[in-house]
Protein backbone atom coordinates (compact mmCIF):
# COMPACT_ATOMS: atom_id res chain seq x y z
CA MET A 1 -52.73 76.59 79.22
CA ASN A 2 -51.83 73.11 80.38
CA ALA A 3 -52.13 72.06 84.01
CA GLN A 4 -49.67 73.62 86.38
CA PRO A 5 -46.94 71.57 88.08
CA VAL A 6 -47.36 70.70 91.73
CA GLU A 7 -45.70 73.37 93.85
CA ASP A 8 -42.58 72.60 95.86
CA GLY A 9 -43.49 71.40 99.31
CA ALA A 10 -46.76 69.81 98.18
CA ASP A 11 -47.54 66.32 99.38
CA MET A 12 -45.41 64.10 97.15
CA TRP A 13 -47.85 61.25 97.65
CA ALA A 14 -50.97 63.16 96.57
CA ALA A 15 -51.08 61.18 93.32
CA PHE A 16 -50.94 57.91 95.28
CA PRO A 17 -53.49 58.02 98.11
CA ALA A 18 -53.68 55.07 100.43
CA GLU A 19 -55.88 52.18 99.30
CA ASP A 20 -58.38 52.37 102.19
CA PRO A 21 -61.59 50.46 101.37
CA VAL A 22 -64.71 52.59 100.98
CA PRO A 23 -67.33 51.70 103.66
CA ALA A 24 -70.39 50.01 102.18
CA ASP A 25 -72.71 52.65 103.65
CA ALA A 26 -70.64 55.65 102.52
CA PRO A 27 -72.43 58.18 100.27
CA TRP A 28 -71.94 57.59 96.56
CA GLU A 29 -70.11 60.22 94.55
CA GLU A 30 -70.70 60.84 90.86
CA PRO A 31 -68.86 58.10 88.90
CA ILE A 32 -66.10 59.04 86.50
CA PRO A 33 -67.09 58.18 82.92
CA LEU A 34 -64.76 55.59 81.44
CA GLN A 35 -64.23 57.66 78.32
CA GLN A 36 -63.61 60.91 80.20
CA ARG A 37 -60.13 62.40 79.79
CA ARG A 38 -58.27 62.48 83.07
CA GLN A 39 -57.10 65.80 84.47
CA LEU A 40 -53.36 65.44 83.96
CA PRO A 41 -50.60 67.22 85.87
CA GLY A 42 -48.04 69.38 84.14
CA PHE A 43 -44.42 68.27 84.00
CA PRO A 44 -42.71 69.08 87.35
CA VAL A 45 -39.81 70.93 85.75
CA GLN A 46 -39.06 72.60 89.10
CA LYS A 47 -37.60 69.28 90.22
CA PHE A 48 -34.74 69.59 87.72
CA PRO A 49 -31.38 71.07 88.73
CA ALA A 50 -31.35 74.84 88.08
CA TRP A 51 -29.35 74.84 84.83
CA LEU A 52 -31.53 72.11 83.33
CA ARG A 53 -34.77 73.61 84.64
CA ASN A 54 -33.97 77.06 83.26
CA PHE A 55 -33.21 75.84 79.75
CA THR A 56 -36.12 73.40 79.61
CA ALA A 57 -38.60 76.08 80.64
CA ALA A 58 -37.01 78.63 78.30
CA VAL A 59 -37.24 76.30 75.29
CA ALA A 60 -40.91 75.63 76.09
CA GLU A 61 -41.52 79.38 76.24
CA GLU A 62 -39.65 80.21 73.04
CA THR A 63 -41.31 77.42 71.04
CA GLN A 64 -44.69 77.89 72.75
CA THR A 65 -44.96 74.19 73.47
CA PRO A 66 -45.98 72.38 76.68
CA VAL A 67 -42.99 72.11 79.02
CA ASP A 68 -43.76 68.38 79.13
CA LEU A 69 -42.18 67.91 75.70
CA ALA A 70 -38.91 69.64 76.54
CA GLY A 71 -38.89 67.94 79.96
CA CYS A 72 -39.19 64.45 78.45
CA VAL A 73 -36.50 65.21 75.89
CA ALA A 74 -34.25 66.62 78.64
CA LEU A 75 -34.46 63.32 80.51
CA ALA A 76 -33.62 61.44 77.30
CA VAL A 77 -30.63 63.74 76.74
CA LEU A 78 -29.30 62.97 80.23
CA ALA A 79 -29.91 59.27 79.63
CA THR A 80 -27.99 59.47 76.35
CA ALA A 81 -25.03 60.93 78.23
CA ALA A 82 -25.20 58.48 81.14
CA GLY A 83 -26.75 55.31 79.69
CA GLY A 84 -24.32 52.42 79.82
CA ARG A 85 -21.85 54.55 81.76
CA ALA A 86 -23.52 54.82 85.18
CA VAL A 87 -25.76 52.57 87.28
CA VAL A 88 -27.54 53.14 90.57
CA HIS A 89 -26.97 50.61 93.35
CA VAL A 90 -30.13 50.46 95.44
CA ARG A 91 -29.55 47.58 97.82
CA GLY A 92 -28.34 43.99 97.67
CA ARG A 93 -28.09 42.87 94.04
CA TRP A 94 -30.55 45.51 92.83
CA ARG A 95 -28.93 47.88 90.39
CA GLU A 96 -30.69 50.13 87.90
CA PRO A 97 -29.08 51.43 84.70
CA THR A 98 -29.62 55.05 83.74
CA ASN A 99 -31.07 54.70 80.25
CA LEU A 100 -34.73 55.61 79.65
CA TYR A 101 -37.49 55.29 77.08
CA THR A 102 -39.63 58.44 76.93
CA VAL A 103 -42.44 59.24 74.51
CA CYS A 104 -44.45 62.47 74.40
CA ALA A 105 -47.60 62.60 72.28
CA LEU A 106 -48.70 65.88 70.65
CA PRO A 107 -50.77 66.65 67.54
CA PRO A 108 -49.12 68.00 64.36
CA GLY A 109 -48.09 71.65 64.36
CA ASN A 110 -46.64 71.64 67.88
CA ARG A 111 -43.03 72.36 66.82
CA LYS A 112 -41.74 69.04 68.09
CA SER A 113 -38.74 69.13 65.76
CA ALA A 114 -37.72 72.57 67.03
CA VAL A 115 -37.76 71.35 70.63
CA PHE A 116 -35.79 68.21 69.77
CA ALA A 117 -33.19 70.27 67.90
CA ALA A 118 -32.71 72.70 70.78
CA MET A 119 -32.50 70.02 73.47
CA SER A 120 -30.32 67.49 71.61
CA ASP A 121 -27.89 69.86 69.87
CA PRO A 122 -25.19 69.52 72.59
CA LEU A 123 -25.14 65.75 72.04
CA PHE A 124 -24.00 66.24 68.44
CA ASP A 125 -21.26 68.58 69.65
CA ALA A 126 -20.22 66.04 72.29
CA GLU A 127 -20.17 63.31 69.64
CA LYS A 128 -17.91 65.45 67.46
CA LYS A 129 -15.51 66.00 70.36
CA LEU A 130 -15.49 62.29 71.16
CA LYS A 131 -14.58 61.52 67.56
CA GLU A 132 -11.74 64.04 67.64
CA ARG A 133 -10.49 62.58 70.91
CA ALA A 134 -10.65 59.02 69.61
CA ALA A 135 -9.13 59.70 66.19
CA PRO A 136 -5.45 59.06 67.12
CA THR A 137 -6.34 55.78 68.84
CA ILE A 138 -8.45 54.62 65.88
CA ILE A 139 -5.70 55.49 63.38
CA GLU A 140 -3.09 53.65 65.45
CA ALA A 141 -5.30 50.59 65.87
CA ALA A 142 -6.17 50.51 62.16
CA LEU A 143 -2.52 50.76 61.19
CA THR A 144 -1.50 48.07 63.68
CA ALA A 145 -4.19 45.73 62.36
CA ARG A 146 -3.19 46.37 58.74
CA LEU A 147 0.48 45.70 59.46
CA ALA A 148 -0.42 42.55 61.36
CA ARG A 149 -2.51 41.26 58.45
CA GLU A 150 0.29 42.06 55.98
CA ALA A 151 2.83 40.27 58.18
CA ALA A 152 0.50 37.28 58.49
CA ASP A 153 0.02 37.18 54.72
CA LYS A 154 3.79 37.24 54.15
CA ALA A 155 4.28 34.49 56.71
CA ALA A 156 1.58 32.40 55.00
CA THR A 157 3.23 32.93 51.59
CA LYS A 158 6.58 31.97 52.98
CA ALA A 159 5.17 28.85 54.64
CA ALA A 160 3.36 27.83 51.47
CA GLY A 161 6.58 27.88 49.47
CA ALA A 162 8.70 26.16 52.08
CA THR A 163 9.94 22.59 51.78
CA GLY A 164 11.78 20.24 54.01
CA GLY A 165 11.84 19.99 57.77
CA GLY A 166 11.29 23.68 58.51
CA ARG A 167 7.94 23.86 56.72
CA ASP A 168 5.85 22.76 59.74
CA GLN A 169 7.47 25.42 61.90
CA LEU A 170 6.75 28.12 59.32
CA ILE A 171 3.13 27.01 59.03
CA SER A 172 2.76 27.12 62.80
CA GLU A 173 4.20 30.65 62.91
CA ALA A 174 1.94 31.77 60.06
CA VAL A 175 -1.14 30.40 61.84
CA GLY A 176 -0.17 32.16 65.06
CA MET A 177 0.35 35.48 63.25
CA ALA A 178 -2.98 35.11 61.43
CA GLN A 179 -4.76 34.49 64.73
CA GLN A 180 -3.13 37.55 66.27
CA ALA A 181 -4.12 39.69 63.29
CA GLU A 182 -7.70 38.42 63.42
CA ALA A 183 -7.93 39.26 67.14
CA LEU A 184 -6.99 42.91 66.59
CA ARG A 185 -9.99 45.22 66.45
CA THR A 186 -10.17 48.76 65.17
CA PRO A 187 -12.47 50.76 67.42
CA ALA A 188 -15.51 52.29 65.75
CA GLU A 189 -15.90 56.04 65.67
CA PRO A 190 -17.79 57.17 68.78
CA GLN A 191 -21.49 57.66 68.12
CA LEU A 192 -24.20 58.71 70.57
CA LEU A 193 -27.26 58.87 68.33
CA ALA A 194 -28.49 56.31 65.82
CA ASP A 195 -29.42 57.54 62.34
CA ASP A 196 -31.20 54.28 61.48
CA ALA A 197 -33.55 52.66 63.98
CA THR A 198 -33.92 49.17 62.53
CA PRO A 199 -33.40 46.42 65.13
CA GLU A 200 -30.36 45.11 63.25
CA THR A 201 -28.72 48.54 63.12
CA ILE A 202 -29.50 49.26 66.77
CA THR A 203 -27.93 45.95 67.78
CA SER A 204 -24.79 46.52 65.70
CA LEU A 205 -24.38 50.06 67.00
CA MET A 206 -24.69 48.97 70.62
CA ALA A 207 -22.04 46.32 69.97
CA GLU A 208 -19.72 48.90 68.41
CA GLN A 209 -20.36 51.61 71.02
CA GLY A 210 -19.61 49.69 74.17
CA GLY A 211 -23.20 48.60 74.68
CA ARG A 212 -25.01 51.91 74.33
CA ILE A 213 -26.77 54.04 71.71
CA ALA A 214 -29.71 56.46 71.67
CA VAL A 215 -32.64 57.04 69.33
CA MET A 216 -33.99 60.60 69.41
CA SER A 217 -36.82 61.37 67.03
CA ALA A 218 -39.74 63.75 66.65
CA GLU A 219 -41.56 61.12 64.58
CA GLY A 220 -43.17 57.78 65.42
CA GLU A 221 -41.65 55.79 62.56
CA ILE A 222 -39.72 53.55 64.93
CA PHE A 223 -42.92 51.83 66.05
CA ASP A 224 -43.67 50.85 62.47
CA ILE A 225 -40.16 49.41 62.28
CA ILE A 226 -40.60 47.48 65.52
CA ALA A 227 -43.92 46.17 64.19
CA GLY A 228 -42.08 44.66 61.21
CA ARG A 229 -42.27 47.18 58.37
CA TYR A 230 -39.12 45.77 56.76
CA SER A 231 -38.97 42.27 58.21
CA GLY A 232 -42.64 41.35 57.96
CA ALA A 233 -42.77 40.35 61.64
CA PRO A 234 -42.26 42.23 64.91
CA ASN A 235 -38.69 42.31 66.19
CA MET A 236 -38.70 43.61 69.74
CA GLY A 237 -35.65 41.75 71.06
CA PRO A 238 -33.10 44.59 70.96
CA PHE A 239 -35.64 47.08 72.35
CA LEU A 240 -36.59 44.80 75.24
CA ALA A 241 -33.00 43.85 76.12
CA GLY A 242 -31.73 47.38 75.54
CA HIS A 243 -33.99 48.77 78.25
CA ALA A 244 -33.52 46.05 80.83
CA GLY A 245 -29.80 45.54 80.24
CA ASP A 246 -30.28 41.84 79.45
CA ARG A 247 -27.54 40.08 77.49
CA LEU A 248 -28.04 40.45 73.75
CA ARG A 249 -26.52 38.25 71.07
CA VAL A 250 -25.01 39.84 67.97
CA ASN A 251 -24.72 37.65 64.89
CA ARG A 252 -21.76 38.56 62.72
CA GLN A 253 -20.88 36.97 59.41
CA THR A 254 -17.84 35.24 60.85
CA ARG A 255 -18.62 35.05 64.57
CA LYS A 256 -21.20 35.53 67.33
CA GLU A 257 -20.78 38.21 69.97
CA TYR A 258 -22.69 39.18 73.09
CA ILE A 259 -23.49 42.58 74.54
CA ASP A 260 -23.44 41.89 78.25
CA HIS A 261 -25.29 45.00 79.42
CA PRO A 262 -26.92 46.82 76.51
CA ALA A 263 -28.19 50.33 77.26
CA LEU A 264 -30.55 51.77 74.69
CA THR A 265 -32.11 55.18 75.24
CA MET A 266 -35.15 56.40 73.31
CA GLY A 267 -36.51 59.93 73.39
CA LEU A 268 -39.51 60.15 71.07
CA SER A 269 -42.35 62.48 70.26
CA VAL A 270 -45.29 61.13 68.30
CA GLN A 271 -48.78 62.06 67.22
CA PRO A 272 -51.43 60.78 69.65
CA THR A 273 -52.76 58.37 67.02
CA VAL A 274 -49.41 56.56 67.12
CA LEU A 275 -50.18 55.53 70.71
CA ASP A 276 -53.23 53.68 69.44
CA GLY A 277 -51.04 51.78 66.98
CA MET A 278 -48.50 50.85 69.65
CA ALA A 279 -51.03 48.66 71.40
CA LYS A 280 -51.72 46.82 68.15
CA ILE A 281 -48.11 45.67 67.65
CA LYS A 282 -48.24 41.91 67.98
CA GLY A 283 -46.74 40.93 71.33
CA ALA A 284 -46.08 44.50 72.47
CA LYS A 285 -48.08 44.08 75.66
CA GLY A 286 -47.39 40.41 76.34
CA ARG A 287 -43.64 40.81 75.98
CA GLY A 288 -43.48 44.05 77.96
CA LEU A 289 -42.63 46.64 75.31
CA LEU A 290 -45.49 48.95 76.31
CA GLY A 291 -44.41 48.73 79.93
CA ARG A 292 -40.94 50.11 79.24
CA PHE A 293 -41.93 53.59 78.07
CA LEU A 294 -42.51 56.66 80.21
CA TYR A 295 -45.52 58.34 78.61
CA SER A 296 -46.50 61.99 78.41
CA LEU A 297 -49.81 63.21 76.99
CA PRO A 298 -49.81 67.00 77.47
CA GLU A 299 -52.44 69.43 76.29
CA SER A 300 -51.54 71.22 73.05
CA LEU A 301 -51.13 74.99 73.19
CA LEU A 302 -52.31 75.46 69.61
CA GLY A 303 -54.70 78.41 69.48
CA ARG A 304 -53.30 79.94 72.69
CA ARG A 305 -49.68 80.56 71.75
CA LYS A 306 -47.94 83.88 72.16
CA ILE A 307 -47.07 85.65 68.95
CA LEU A 308 -43.88 87.15 70.43
CA PRO A 309 -42.60 84.74 73.11
CA ASP A 310 -39.48 85.36 75.13
CA PRO A 311 -36.35 83.89 73.49
CA VAL A 312 -34.01 81.57 75.35
CA PRO A 313 -31.42 83.77 77.13
CA ASP A 314 -27.95 83.29 75.69
CA GLU A 315 -26.42 82.59 79.10
CA VAL A 316 -29.03 79.92 79.87
CA ALA A 317 -28.43 78.24 76.49
CA ALA A 318 -24.64 78.39 76.87
CA THR A 319 -24.75 76.84 80.34
CA TYR A 320 -27.00 74.01 79.19
CA HIS A 321 -24.80 73.30 76.16
CA HIS A 322 -21.62 73.31 78.24
CA ASN A 323 -23.01 71.06 80.97
CA VAL A 324 -24.48 68.44 78.63
CA VAL A 325 -21.22 68.24 76.69
CA ALA A 326 -19.15 68.11 79.89
CA LEU A 327 -21.30 65.35 81.40
CA THR A 328 -21.19 63.30 78.20
CA LEU A 329 -17.42 63.58 77.84
CA ALA A 330 -16.81 62.85 81.54
CA LEU A 331 -18.84 59.63 81.42
CA ALA A 332 -17.73 58.46 77.96
CA ASP A 333 -14.73 56.49 79.19
CA TRP A 334 -16.62 54.71 81.98
CA THR A 335 -17.11 51.47 80.06
CA ASP A 336 -17.01 49.83 83.50
CA PRO A 337 -19.97 51.90 84.72
CA ALA A 338 -19.75 54.36 87.57
CA VAL A 339 -21.77 52.97 90.48
CA LEU A 340 -23.93 55.61 92.16
CA GLN A 341 -24.84 54.84 95.78
CA LEU A 342 -27.85 55.99 97.81
CA THR A 343 -27.67 57.55 101.24
CA PRO A 344 -29.66 55.63 103.90
CA ASP A 345 -32.30 58.40 103.86
CA ALA A 346 -32.55 58.18 100.07
CA ASP A 347 -33.10 54.42 100.31
CA SER A 348 -35.83 55.06 102.87
CA VAL A 349 -37.63 57.31 100.39
CA ILE A 350 -37.42 54.55 97.77
CA GLN A 351 -38.83 52.04 100.26
CA GLU A 352 -41.69 54.40 101.09
CA PHE A 353 -42.43 54.85 97.39
CA GLN A 354 -42.39 51.07 96.91
CA GLY A 355 -44.75 50.69 99.84
CA ARG A 356 -47.18 53.12 98.24
CA ILE A 357 -47.06 51.50 94.81
CA GLU A 358 -47.18 47.81 95.73
CA PRO A 359 -50.84 47.59 96.89
CA LYS A 360 -51.93 49.41 93.74
CA LEU A 361 -50.56 46.60 91.58
CA ALA A 362 -53.16 44.12 92.83
CA ALA A 363 -55.34 42.82 90.01
CA ARG A 364 -58.34 43.09 92.30
CA GLY A 365 -58.89 46.56 93.72
CA GLY A 366 -55.53 48.06 92.78
CA SER A 367 -55.83 51.36 90.91
CA LEU A 368 -52.78 50.38 88.85
CA GLY A 369 -53.71 46.70 88.57
CA HIS A 370 -54.90 47.03 84.98
CA VAL A 371 -51.51 48.52 83.99
CA ALA A 372 -49.41 46.35 86.30
CA ASP A 373 -46.83 45.57 83.61
CA TRP A 374 -46.06 49.29 83.37
CA ALA A 375 -46.56 50.18 87.03
CA SER A 376 -44.36 47.33 88.29
CA LYS A 377 -41.44 49.08 86.57
CA LEU A 378 -42.23 52.51 88.03
CA THR A 379 -39.98 52.28 91.08
CA GLY A 380 -37.08 51.23 88.86
CA ALA A 381 -37.80 54.18 86.58
CA VAL A 382 -37.77 56.52 89.58
CA VAL A 383 -34.37 55.14 90.60
CA ARG A 384 -33.05 55.73 87.08
CA ILE A 385 -34.38 59.29 87.06
CA ALA A 386 -32.80 59.90 90.48
CA GLY A 387 -29.45 58.80 89.08
CA LEU A 388 -29.80 61.18 86.14
CA LEU A 389 -30.82 64.10 88.34
CA HIS A 390 -27.87 63.37 90.61
CA LEU A 391 -25.43 63.38 87.70
CA ALA A 392 -26.92 66.64 86.41
CA GLU A 393 -26.69 68.22 89.86
CA HIS A 394 -23.10 67.13 90.49
CA LEU A 395 -21.01 67.50 87.35
CA ASP A 396 -18.17 65.71 89.11
CA PRO A 397 -16.05 63.37 86.98
CA GLU A 398 -15.31 61.16 90.01
CA HIS A 399 -18.98 60.58 90.93
CA HIS A 400 -18.20 59.62 94.50
CA ARG A 401 -21.05 61.52 96.12
CA PRO A 402 -24.10 59.43 97.07
CA ILE A 403 -27.59 60.25 95.86
CA THR A 404 -29.49 62.18 98.52
CA ALA A 405 -33.05 61.86 99.76
CA SER A 406 -34.00 65.23 98.23
CA THR A 407 -32.90 64.01 94.79
CA VAL A 408 -34.94 60.82 95.17
CA ARG A 409 -37.99 62.85 96.23
CA ALA A 410 -37.61 64.94 93.08
CA ALA A 411 -37.45 61.74 91.04
CA CYS A 412 -40.57 60.44 92.82
CA ALA A 413 -42.45 63.59 91.83
CA ILE A 414 -41.46 63.03 88.21
CA GLY A 415 -42.45 59.37 88.54
CA GLU A 416 -45.89 60.40 89.83
CA TYR A 417 -46.26 62.64 86.78
CA PHE A 418 -45.50 59.74 84.44
CA ALA A 419 -47.89 57.47 86.37
CA ALA A 420 -50.80 59.88 85.88
CA HIS A 421 -50.04 60.23 82.17
CA ALA A 422 -49.54 56.48 81.73
CA LEU A 423 -53.04 55.83 83.04
CA ALA A 424 -54.43 58.29 80.47
CA VAL A 425 -52.36 56.75 77.68
CA PHE A 426 -53.41 53.21 78.50
CA ASP A 427 -57.01 54.36 78.72
CA ARG A 428 -56.60 55.80 75.24
CA MET A 429 -54.78 52.92 73.60
CA GLY A 430 -56.86 50.21 75.32
CA ALA A 431 -53.67 48.17 75.46
CA ASN A 432 -55.13 45.52 77.81
CA GLU A 433 -58.77 45.72 76.66
CA THR A 434 -59.76 46.51 80.24
CA ALA A 435 -61.74 49.62 79.36
CA GLU A 436 -63.75 47.78 76.70
CA ARG A 437 -64.44 44.90 79.05
CA ALA A 438 -65.49 47.35 81.77
CA ARG A 439 -68.01 48.87 79.34
CA SER A 440 -69.41 45.41 78.66
CA ILE A 441 -69.93 44.89 82.39
CA LEU A 442 -71.58 48.32 82.66
CA ASP A 443 -74.01 47.36 79.91
CA VAL A 444 -74.99 44.21 81.82
CA LEU A 445 -75.35 46.12 85.10
CA LYS A 446 -77.56 48.77 83.49
CA ALA A 447 -79.70 46.15 81.75
CA ASN A 448 -80.32 44.16 84.94
CA GLN A 449 -80.36 47.04 87.46
CA TRP A 450 -78.96 44.99 90.33
CA PRO A 451 -78.32 47.03 93.50
CA GLU A 452 -75.92 44.26 94.49
CA VAL A 453 -74.32 41.58 92.32
CA SER A 454 -71.89 38.70 92.66
CA LYS A 455 -68.99 37.98 90.42
CA ARG A 456 -70.49 34.56 89.69
CA THR A 457 -73.72 36.17 88.46
CA LEU A 458 -71.80 38.46 86.16
CA MET A 459 -69.98 35.50 84.65
CA VAL A 460 -73.32 33.90 83.80
CA LYS A 461 -74.52 37.03 82.01
CA LEU A 462 -71.33 38.00 80.21
CA SER A 463 -69.94 36.60 76.97
CA ARG A 464 -67.47 33.76 77.49
CA THR A 465 -65.71 34.91 74.34
CA GLU A 466 -64.82 38.21 76.00
CA PHE A 467 -64.43 36.74 79.52
CA PRO A 468 -63.13 33.16 79.15
CA THR A 469 -62.48 32.76 82.89
CA ALA A 470 -63.54 34.46 86.11
CA MET A 471 -60.02 35.90 86.47
CA ASP A 472 -60.57 37.86 83.26
CA LEU A 473 -63.21 39.84 85.13
CA ASP A 474 -60.83 41.15 87.80
CA PRO A 475 -59.03 43.98 85.93
CA ALA A 476 -62.31 45.35 84.56
CA LEU A 477 -63.99 45.16 87.97
CA SER A 478 -61.02 46.97 89.51
CA LEU A 479 -61.32 49.69 86.88
CA LEU A 480 -65.04 50.09 87.62
CA GLU A 481 -64.22 50.36 91.32
CA ASP A 482 -61.56 52.97 90.51
CA HIS A 483 -64.15 54.97 88.54
CA GLY A 484 -66.77 54.71 91.29
CA TYR A 485 -69.30 52.41 89.64
CA LEU A 486 -68.81 49.48 92.02
CA ARG A 487 -67.95 49.01 95.66
CA ALA A 488 -66.54 45.67 96.83
CA LEU A 489 -68.20 44.08 99.84
CA PRO A 490 -66.21 42.12 102.43
CA VAL A 491 -66.10 38.41 101.69
CA ILE A 492 -67.88 36.52 104.48
CA ARG A 493 -66.73 32.95 104.90
CA THR A 494 -69.06 30.40 106.47
CA GLY A 495 -66.33 28.18 107.85
CA THR A 496 -67.72 25.16 106.05
CA ARG A 497 -65.99 23.21 103.35
CA GLY A 498 -66.76 23.67 99.70
CA ARG A 499 -66.46 26.41 97.17
CA PRO A 500 -65.72 29.82 98.74
CA PRO A 501 -68.41 32.49 98.38
CA SER A 502 -68.27 34.59 95.24
CA PRO A 503 -67.12 38.21 95.72
CA ARG A 504 -70.04 40.63 95.82
CA TYR A 505 -70.32 44.27 94.82
CA LEU A 506 -72.66 47.15 95.50
CA THR A 507 -73.55 49.01 92.32
CA HIS A 508 -73.83 52.75 91.95
CA PRO A 509 -77.46 53.97 92.31
CA ARG A 510 -77.27 55.45 88.82
CA LEU A 511 -77.04 51.94 87.40
CA THR A 512 -80.43 51.04 88.88
CA ASP A 513 -82.18 54.22 87.75
CA ARG A 514 -84.13 53.64 84.54
CA ASP A 515 -84.15 57.38 83.82
CA THR A 516 -80.34 57.64 83.50
């Protein structure tokens, strides 16, 4: 079975130990092979509100799939309901939207479609109810627009046939009526989920749907589309802006529009090989696409599944369905988003989490430095998750209650889960080439068997094609430190002018042993 979730009450910072330097004379532990699969935690479903936790766990049991899959889809379902309709105010000008990008990777045969169907079914029911509720307004608006166009056409005909002094007045009236008719808009039918995931369709749907739309899929086709399957070139703009909430321009045939705060949600499940292809999308890393996803890489249960699993209890399923529909309908009209506040204690938890993460982002010595683009967004993701958990816990249409510290701690636990899995995913996809570069350095260290080496010496021995500058060494050296192959020595300055001393490292004794 896959790894068990951390029990309630466990140290929430266990996944993020303090970055204390290892003393130079400390005993060496066995290094972690670069290619070795990390021991990954299970999804902390116990951090969900009871009604969401019960259904998520029950779906995982009935389908005999890792709870990670249902847990990731559950977050995407909440984000579909709340995205573009609620934001979390942290402090000052810092606000986080509540849309998410989640992707869970599992091999074929893991019943991904069955899990997606069970978890997302209430969204289709909510969409149907939204359409029924909006129908009278749409009919009235369509009729008003048609009558306005007909009146404008009559006025134009009348003005065209007029002569004499009154003709200018009739033309002026016809122009005014035509402008009024053109300004009238018939609202689009409400839609929560996109059937077509091309960038152009996503952009148009967000424009029609008040800035938000969701893509939920048990396939990885969307990454082929982003890579340019139909256009011949990558088109990441809507997917970048849709996550961050950056203004997005919509080009119409007759006019240009802007989506001020787009909110795109993506809940995806893919085969693990798709992760490898994600890193190969031109510009995906440099422009930040890879850094926007919350990754899950659970262990498959194939070969260990129950033949007769427990079905989802009817009451559990009914409660989940009712609550997702109720939350979606309650937030649907909040086109001016509900602003969720934090209690002072909740903000303190966020600050503590930030304090733990920040040192790990350092390119030199930070355990998250080689995935800094992703990790720098982790605190924001935790805030978004906290907002979603709060909305799920308090199905209150007024949304006046602030987010509590306990809710933020639950979100931090989920954020730690995604951090552990992101490291494994980036190791797998080699998105920043750090692992390959670290192997090149290992080869040089083994060949030369230095007990101690400087960064400057490594630069002399390494290929300038792979390491154009000394700075290109830093992420790989940090990774080797993280895996226990190197140990940085304190930099001793002489106090004299000139070039500062090159950083030096102790190497693991195994690298100087010819028999290993």
